[in-house]
Amino acid sequence: MQENDLSARPIRVLVGKPGLDGHDRGAKVIARALRDSGMEVIYTGIRQSPQMIAQAASQEDVDVIGMSILSGAHLEILPEIMSLLKDQGMDDVIVVVGGIIPEVDRQPLKDLGIAEVFGPGTTTGSIVEFIQEKIKERAEA
């Protein structure tokens, strides 16, 4: 995230579907909700590799990366993405994930630096509020 005043521009969010999962309805719903709340959304589409997501996040200079994973491969894919982001000096980007992620796997993902894990039934409004609050915290830090 750039050190410029975030209030002067929309929050930039990359929404991606890493792995082989082809079900993207939820990701599109979230992307629309973020856009409708005033955020600038870059949707990368389905079947994105960790490298593709990290590269797109870097090229688009995003503040937030939101990923949807339904495949069960979250413990394989997300650590790789977090490592790539760190290697690119992007470890200040807020990363959130949603999908079918067992409760037992949520803390290990947070330990990797993922800010939040959203499960089924999470409202779009609560996701928007979470992102806005995290951005506000970063701006005040």
C-alpha atoms as a PDB file:
ATOM      1  CA  MET A   1       0.000   0.000   0.000  1.00  0.00           C
ATOM      2  CA  GLN A   2       1.315   3.414  -0.869  1.00  0.00           C
ATOM      3  CA  GLU A   3       1.943   5.967   1.852  1.00  0.00           C
ATOM      4  CA  ASN A   4      -0.417   8.471   0.250  1.00  0.00           C
ATOM      5  CA  ASP A   5      -3.683   9.603   1.828  1.00  0.00           C
ATOM      6  CA  LEU A   6      -6.144   6.749   1.377  1.00  0.00           C
ATOM      7  CA  SER A   7      -9.088   9.073   1.910  1.00  0.00           C
ATOM      8  CA  ALA A   8      -8.161  10.834  -1.345  1.00  0.00           C
ATOM      9  CA  ARG A   9      -8.791   7.721  -3.448  1.00  0.00           C
ATOM     10  CA  PRO A  10     -10.921   4.600  -3.377  1.00  0.00           C
ATOM     11  CA  ILE A  11      -9.661   1.495  -1.612  1.00  0.00           C
ATOM     12  CA  ARG A  12      -8.205  -0.810  -4.290  1.00  0.00           C
ATOM     13  CA  VAL A  13      -9.149  -4.468  -3.866  1.00  0.00           C
ATOM     14  CA  LEU A  14      -8.018  -7.437  -5.914  1.00  0.00           C
ATOM     15  CA  VAL A  15     -10.555 -10.271  -5.847  1.00  0.00           C
ATOM     16  CA  GLY A  16      -9.223 -13.621  -6.986  1.00  0.00           C
ATOM     17  CA  LYS A  17     -10.055 -17.304  -7.193  1.00  0.00           C
ATOM     18  CA  PRO A  18      -6.818 -19.245  -6.655  1.00  0.00           C
ATOM     19  CA  GLY A  19      -6.552 -22.892  -7.555  1.00  0.00           C
ATOM     20  CA  LEU A  20      -8.677 -25.078  -9.753  1.00  0.00           C
ATOM     21  CA  ASP A  21     -12.056 -24.222  -8.258  1.00  0.00           C
ATOM     22  CA  GLY A  22     -14.337 -22.917 -10.987  1.00  0.00           C
ATOM     23  CA  HIS A  23     -17.231 -21.735  -8.813  1.00  0.00           C
ATOM     24  CA  ASP A  24     -17.054 -17.956  -8.747  1.00  0.00           C
ATOM     25  CA  ARG A  25     -20.556 -16.777  -7.909  1.00  0.00           C
ATOM     26  CA  GLY A  26     -19.588 -15.831  -4.331  1.00  0.00           C
ATOM     27  CA  ALA A  27     -16.479 -13.967  -5.498  1.00  0.00           C
ATOM     28  CA  LYS A  28     -18.578 -11.988  -7.968  1.00  0.00           C
ATOM     29  CA  VAL A  29     -21.149 -11.142  -5.282  1.00  0.00           C
ATOM     30  CA  ILE A  30     -18.382  -9.879  -2.991  1.00  0.00           C
ATOM     31  CA  ALA A  31     -16.729  -7.944  -5.831  1.00  0.00           C
ATOM     32  CA  ARG A  32     -20.013  -6.193  -6.578  1.00  0.00           C
ATOM     33  CA  ALA A  33     -20.640  -5.366  -2.911  1.00  0.00           C
ATOM     34  CA  LEU A  34     -17.146  -3.893  -2.570  1.00  0.00           C
ATOM     35  CA  ARG A  35     -17.609  -1.869  -5.741  1.00  0.00           C
ATOM     36  CA  ASP A  36     -21.047  -0.677  -4.616  1.00  0.00           C
ATOM     37  CA  SER A  37     -19.471   0.528  -1.354  1.00  0.00           C
ATOM     38  CA  GLY A  38     -17.097   2.778  -3.313  1.00  0.00           C
ATOM     39  CA  MET A  39     -14.057   0.534  -3.560  1.00  0.00           C
ATOM     40  CA  GLU A  40     -12.183  -0.006  -6.797  1.00  0.00           C
ATOM     41  CA  VAL A  41     -12.282  -3.731  -7.573  1.00  0.00           C
ATOM     42  CA  ILE A  42      -9.998  -5.699  -9.850  1.00  0.00           C
ATOM     43  CA  TYR A  43     -11.437  -9.178 -10.448  1.00  0.00           C
ATOM     44  CA  THR A  44      -8.852 -11.639 -11.773  1.00  0.00           C
ATOM     45  CA  GLY A  45     -11.261 -14.454 -12.585  1.00  0.00           C
ATOM     46  CA  ILE A  46     -11.083 -18.162 -11.844  1.00  0.00           C
ATOM     47  CA  ARG A  47      -8.226 -20.655 -11.765  1.00  0.00           C
ATOM     48  CA  GLN A  48      -5.504 -18.190 -10.825  1.00  0.00           C
ATOM     49  CA  SER A  49      -2.103 -19.451  -9.716  1.00  0.00           C
ATOM     50  CA  PRO A  50      -0.480 -17.946  -6.619  1.00  0.00           C
ATOM     51  CA  GLN A  51       2.045 -16.250  -8.922  1.00  0.00           C
ATOM     52  CA  MET A  52      -0.730 -14.714 -11.025  1.00  0.00           C
ATOM     53  CA  ILE A  53      -2.470 -13.301  -7.952  1.00  0.00           C
ATOM     54  CA  ALA A  54       0.730 -11.866  -6.455  1.00  0.00           C
ATOM     55  CA  GLN A  55       1.754 -10.374  -9.794  1.00  0.00           C
ATOM     56  CA  ALA A  56      -1.665  -8.798 -10.392  1.00  0.00           C
ATOM     57  CA  ALA A  57      -1.696  -7.374  -6.861  1.00  0.00           C
ATOM     58  CA  SER A  58       1.703  -5.796  -7.458  1.00  0.00           C
ATOM     59  CA  GLN A  59       0.835  -4.440 -10.901  1.00  0.00           C
ATOM     60  CA  GLU A  60      -2.470  -2.998  -9.704  1.00  0.00           C
ATOM     61  CA  ASP A  61      -0.964  -1.510  -6.508  1.00  0.00           C
ATOM     62  CA  VAL A  62      -3.815  -2.834  -4.376  1.00  0.00           C
ATOM     63  CA  ASP A  63      -4.532  -2.156  -0.726  1.00  0.00           C
ATOM     64  CA  VAL A  64      -6.437  -5.403  -0.185  1.00  0.00           C
ATOM     65  CA  ILE A  65      -6.475  -8.891  -1.655  1.00  0.00           C
ATOM     66  CA  GLY A  66      -9.643 -10.917  -1.220  1.00  0.00           C
ATOM     67  CA  MET A  67      -9.627 -14.550  -2.255  1.00  0.00           C
ATOM     68  CA  SER A  68     -12.409 -17.093  -2.465  1.00  0.00           C
ATOM     69  CA  ILE A  69     -11.492 -20.741  -2.002  1.00  0.00           C
ATOM     70  CA  LEU A  70     -13.976 -23.593  -2.069  1.00  0.00           C
ATOM     71  CA  SER A  71     -11.645 -26.373  -3.196  1.00  0.00           C
ATOM     72  CA  GLY A  72     -10.111 -27.313   0.142  1.00  0.00           C
ATOM     73  CA  ALA A  73      -6.631 -26.366  -1.069  1.00  0.00           C
ATOM     74  CA  HIS A  74      -6.363 -23.292   1.175  1.00  0.00           C
ATOM     75  CA  LEU A  75      -3.505 -24.698   3.296  1.00  0.00           C
ATOM     76  CA  GLU A  76      -1.456 -25.327   0.155  1.00  0.00           C
ATOM     77  CA  ILE A  77      -2.289 -22.214  -1.861  1.00  0.00           C
ATOM     78  CA  LEU A  78      -2.513 -19.416   0.700  1.00  0.00           C
ATOM     79  CA  PRO A  79       0.933 -19.918   2.300  1.00  0.00           C
ATOM     80  CA  GLU A  80       2.465 -19.690  -1.172  1.00  0.00           C
ATOM     81  CA  ILE A  81       0.596 -16.477  -1.948  1.00  0.00           C
ATOM     82  CA  MET A  82       1.617 -14.930   1.380  1.00  0.00           C
ATOM     83  CA  SER A  83       5.246 -15.881   0.736  1.00  0.00           C
ATOM     84  CA  LEU A  84       5.172 -14.359  -2.749  1.00  0.00           C
ATOM     85  CA  LEU A  85       3.668 -11.138  -1.400  1.00  0.00           C
ATOM     86  CA  LYS A  86       6.382 -10.919   1.244  1.00  0.00           C
ATOM     87  CA  ASP A  87       9.086 -11.557  -1.366  1.00  0.00           C
ATOM     88  CA  GLN A  88       7.680  -8.648  -3.405  1.00  0.00           C
ATOM     89  CA  GLY A  89       7.650  -6.322  -0.396  1.00  0.00           C
ATOM     90  CA  MET A  90       3.862  -6.394  -0.257  1.00  0.00           C
ATOM     91  CA  ASP A  91       3.429  -7.757   3.240  1.00  0.00           C
ATOM     92  CA  ASP A  92       1.520  -4.599   4.200  1.00  0.00           C
ATOM     93  CA  VAL A  93      -1.351  -5.515   1.866  1.00  0.00           C
ATOM     94  CA  ILE A  94      -4.431  -6.631   3.784  1.00  0.00           C
ATOM     95  CA  VAL A  95      -5.327 -10.196   2.783  1.00  0.00           C
ATOM     96  CA  VAL A  96      -8.735 -11.711   3.462  1.00  0.00           C
ATOM     97  CA  VAL A  97     -10.147 -15.032   2.393  1.00  0.00           C
ATOM     98  CA  GLY A  98     -13.595 -16.525   2.212  1.00  0.00           C
ATOM     99  CA  GLY A  99     -15.116 -19.834   1.352  1.00  0.00           C
ATOM    100  CA  ILE A 100     -15.396 -23.290   2.781  1.00  0.00           C
ATOM    101  CA  ILE A 101     -12.577 -23.235   5.316  1.00  0.00           C
ATOM    102  CA  PRO A 102     -12.843 -25.427   8.409  1.00  0.00           C
ATOM    103  CA  GLU A 103     -12.658 -23.662  11.764  1.00  0.00           C
ATOM    104  CA  VAL A 104      -9.528 -25.642  12.683  1.00  0.00           C
ATOM    105  CA  ASP A 105      -7.670 -24.128   9.698  1.00  0.00           C
ATOM    106  CA  ARG A 106      -8.574 -20.503  10.385  1.00  0.00           C
ATOM    107  CA  GLN A 107      -5.990 -19.675  13.059  1.00  0.00           C
ATOM    108  CA  PRO A 108      -3.086 -21.184  11.081  1.00  0.00           C
ATOM    109  CA  LEU A 109      -4.133 -18.953   8.164  1.00  0.00           C
ATOM    110  CA  LYS A 110      -4.242 -15.902  10.426  1.00  0.00           C
ATOM    111  CA  ASP A 111      -0.803 -16.861  11.726  1.00  0.00           C
ATOM    112  CA  LEU A 112       0.412 -16.533   8.118  1.00  0.00           C
ATOM    113  CA  GLY A 113      -0.739 -12.921   8.095  1.00  0.00           C
ATOM    114  CA  ILE A 114      -4.227 -13.312   6.663  1.00  0.00           C
ATOM    115  CA  ALA A 115      -6.309 -10.602   8.326  1.00  0.00           C
ATOM    116  CA  GLU A 116      -9.604 -12.494   8.370  1.00  0.00           C
ATOM    117  CA  VAL A 117     -11.283 -15.682   7.214  1.00  0.00           C
ATOM    118  CA  PHE A 118     -14.942 -15.316   6.266  1.00  0.00           C
ATOM    119  CA  GLY A 119     -17.136 -18.389   6.179  1.00  0.00           C
ATOM    120  CA  PRO A 120     -20.497 -19.223   4.642  1.00  0.00           C
ATOM    121  CA  GLY A 121     -23.257 -16.897   5.775  1.00  0.00           C
ATOM    122  CA  THR A 122     -21.008 -13.874   6.266  1.00  0.00           C
ATOM    123  CA  THR A 123     -22.836 -10.763   5.114  1.00  0.00           C
ATOM    124  CA  THR A 124     -21.343  -8.603   2.418  1.00  0.00           C
ATOM    125  CA  GLY A 125     -21.841  -5.613   4.704  1.00  0.00           C
ATOM    126  CA  SER A 126     -19.647  -7.123   7.407  1.00  0.00           C
ATOM    127  CA  ILE A 127     -16.888  -7.769   4.857  1.00  0.00           C
ATOM    128  CA  VAL A 128     -17.083  -4.186   3.601  1.00  0.00           C
ATOM    129  CA  GLU A 129     -16.958  -2.867   7.187  1.00  0.00           C
ATOM    130  CA  PHE A 130     -14.006  -5.100   8.066  1.00  0.00           C
ATOM    131  CA  ILE A 131     -11.986  -3.859   5.088  1.00  0.00           C
ATOM    132  CA  GLN A 132     -12.849  -0.220   5.749  1.00  0.00           C
ATOM    133  CA  GLU A 133     -11.826  -0.577   9.409  1.00  0.00           C
ATOM    134  CA  LYS A 134      -8.513  -2.254   8.531  1.00  0.00           C
ATOM    135  CA  ILE A 135      -7.709   0.480   6.004  1.00  0.00           C
ATOM    136  CA  LYS A 136      -8.560   3.133   8.600  1.00  0.00           C
ATOM    137  CA  GLU A 137      -6.240   1.422  11.114  1.00  0.00           C
ATOM    138  CA  ARG A 138      -3.417   1.352   8.542  1.00  0.00           C
ATOM    139  CA  ALA A 139      -3.889   5.010   7.728  1.00  0.00           C
ATOM    140  CA  GLU A 140      -3.730   5.955  11.402  1.00  0.00           C
ATOM    141  CA  ALA A 141      -0.639   3.849  12.098  1.00  0.00           C
END
